[in-house]
Each structure stands twice: as structure tokens, then as C-alpha cells.
Amino acid sequence: MENMNEYKLRLIQKIIRIDDIKVLLKIEEYISEFEKNNIKNIVSDDTAIYQSKIHFTNEQLKLIKEAEQDIESGNFYTDEEVRKMTEEWLK
């Protein structure tokens, strides 16, 4: 069985692929309702996301900095551009 963080990551990846605003709003509504009803459990949960910390290696920090510079310089493709390039490539 996968651990909790792997499961959360898999859910996040699925949410990222959703392009329907109505679906995203429903997900947000569900999460907000869950948080409202379970706030005591979230606060006392040792694995709560606000308590976890990600420790990056120096190489990862360097790559993040480079990516930020690429974004500032406009050196990136939008999702739509990548999809069009992929469609062309697959023809």
C-alpha cells in the first residue's frame, strides 16, 4: 500500500490535469466543508501538510533557481503550446 504522501501527490497530479472550473470549484467546496467539519483533527494531526517540511538538496535548489530565471525571462511553453506541439509530433 502506498504511503499517505504518495497518495496525496497522486491526487494533486489528477487535480492539476482538470480543466473544468466547475469540477475544481466542487473539489474546493468539498475540501472546505471537510476542513470546517474536521478542523480539530487537522490541527492535531502530526502529518498535517503545514507541519511537514521539504528539504531540498543544493542541486535541487540550483535547478529551482534556474527554472525561476527561465520563467522571468519568458523561456517556457504554456500547456496549450505543449499540447499543440505534441499533437504535431504524434501525426
Protein backbone atom coordinates (compact mmCIF):
# COMPACT_ATOMS: atom_id res chain seq x y z
CA MET A 1 0.00 0.00 0.00
CA GLU A 2 1.29 3.44 -0.86
CA ASN A 3 2.06 5.85 1.92
CA MET A 4 -0.02 8.94 2.63
CA ASN A 5 2.32 11.37 0.85
CA GLU A 6 2.36 9.27 -2.33
CA TYR A 7 -1.43 9.13 -2.28
CA LYS A 8 -1.69 12.90 -1.78
CA LEU A 9 0.76 13.50 -4.63
CA ARG A 10 -1.27 11.25 -6.93
CA LEU A 11 -4.44 13.19 -6.07
CA ILE A 12 -2.71 16.53 -6.66
CA GLN A 13 -1.48 15.33 -10.05
CA LYS A 14 -5.03 14.37 -11.02
CA ILE A 15 -6.39 17.73 -9.89
CA ILE A 16 -3.73 19.56 -11.93
CA ARG A 17 -4.99 17.84 -15.10
CA ILE A 18 -8.58 19.03 -14.56
CA ASP A 19 -9.52 21.90 -16.88
CA ASP A 20 -13.19 22.17 -15.90
CA ILE A 21 -13.71 25.09 -13.50
CA LYS A 22 -16.99 23.61 -12.23
CA VAL A 23 -15.23 20.42 -11.18
CA LEU A 24 -12.43 22.40 -9.49
CA LEU A 25 -14.97 24.52 -7.62
CA LYS A 26 -16.75 21.37 -6.41
CA ILE A 27 -13.44 19.92 -5.20
CA GLU A 28 -12.65 23.16 -3.38
CA GLU A 29 -16.14 23.20 -1.87
CA TYR A 30 -15.75 19.62 -0.66
CA ILE A 31 -12.34 20.31 0.87
CA SER A 32 -13.60 23.48 2.58
CA GLU A 33 -16.54 21.60 4.04
CA PHE A 34 -14.24 18.81 5.21
CA GLU A 35 -11.88 21.30 6.86
CA LYS A 36 -14.75 23.09 8.55
CA ASN A 37 -16.09 19.84 9.99
CA ASN A 38 -12.74 18.32 10.89
CA ILE A 39 -10.60 21.28 11.97
CA LYS A 40 -9.76 19.66 15.32
CA ASN A 41 -8.42 16.56 13.59
CA ILE A 42 -6.37 18.57 11.11
CA VAL A 43 -4.73 20.70 13.79
CA SER A 44 -3.77 17.73 15.94
CA ASP A 45 -2.61 15.56 13.03
CA ASP A 46 1.18 15.17 13.18
CA THR A 47 1.32 14.63 9.42
CA ALA A 48 -0.57 17.81 8.54
CA ILE A 49 0.90 19.48 5.50
CA TYR A 50 1.59 22.74 7.30
CA GLN A 51 3.84 20.87 9.70
CA SER A 52 5.80 18.99 7.05
CA LYS A 53 8.97 20.48 5.60
CA ILE A 54 10.63 19.71 2.32
CA HIS A 55 14.41 19.64 2.41
CA PHE A 56 15.98 20.35 -0.97
CA THR A 57 19.48 19.35 -1.96
CA ASN A 58 21.83 22.03 -3.28
CA GLU A 59 21.35 20.62 -6.79
CA GLN A 60 17.56 20.86 -6.46
CA LEU A 61 17.82 24.45 -5.20
CA LYS A 62 20.04 25.28 -8.18
CA LEU A 63 17.50 23.79 -10.59
CA ILE A 64 14.65 25.67 -8.93
CA LYS A 65 16.57 28.94 -9.22
CA GLU A 66 17.27 28.24 -12.91
CA ALA A 67 13.59 27.49 -13.51
CA GLU A 68 12.58 30.74 -11.82
CA GLN A 69 15.03 32.62 -14.06
CA ASP A 70 13.59 30.89 -17.14
CA ILE A 71 10.09 31.96 -16.12
CA GLU A 72 11.20 35.56 -15.54
CA SER A 73 12.89 35.56 -18.98
CA GLY A 74 9.85 34.07 -20.68
CA ASN A 75 11.74 30.89 -21.60
CA PHE A 76 8.85 28.45 -21.23
CA TYR A 77 5.91 26.99 -23.11
CA THR A 78 2.31 27.17 -21.99
CA ASP A 79 0.30 24.00 -21.55
CA GLU A 80 -1.62 24.81 -24.71
CA GLU A 81 1.61 25.26 -26.71
CA VAL A 82 2.97 21.94 -25.48
CA ARG A 83 -0.27 20.16 -26.34
CA LYS A 84 -0.17 21.59 -29.90
CA MET A 85 3.50 20.58 -30.30
CA THR A 86 2.67 17.08 -29.05
CA GLU A 87 -0.23 16.75 -31.46
CA GLU A 88 2.04 17.79 -34.34
CA TRP A 89 4.74 15.38 -33.22
CA LEU A 90 2.28 12.48 -33.00
CA LYS A 91 0.94 13.00 -36.54
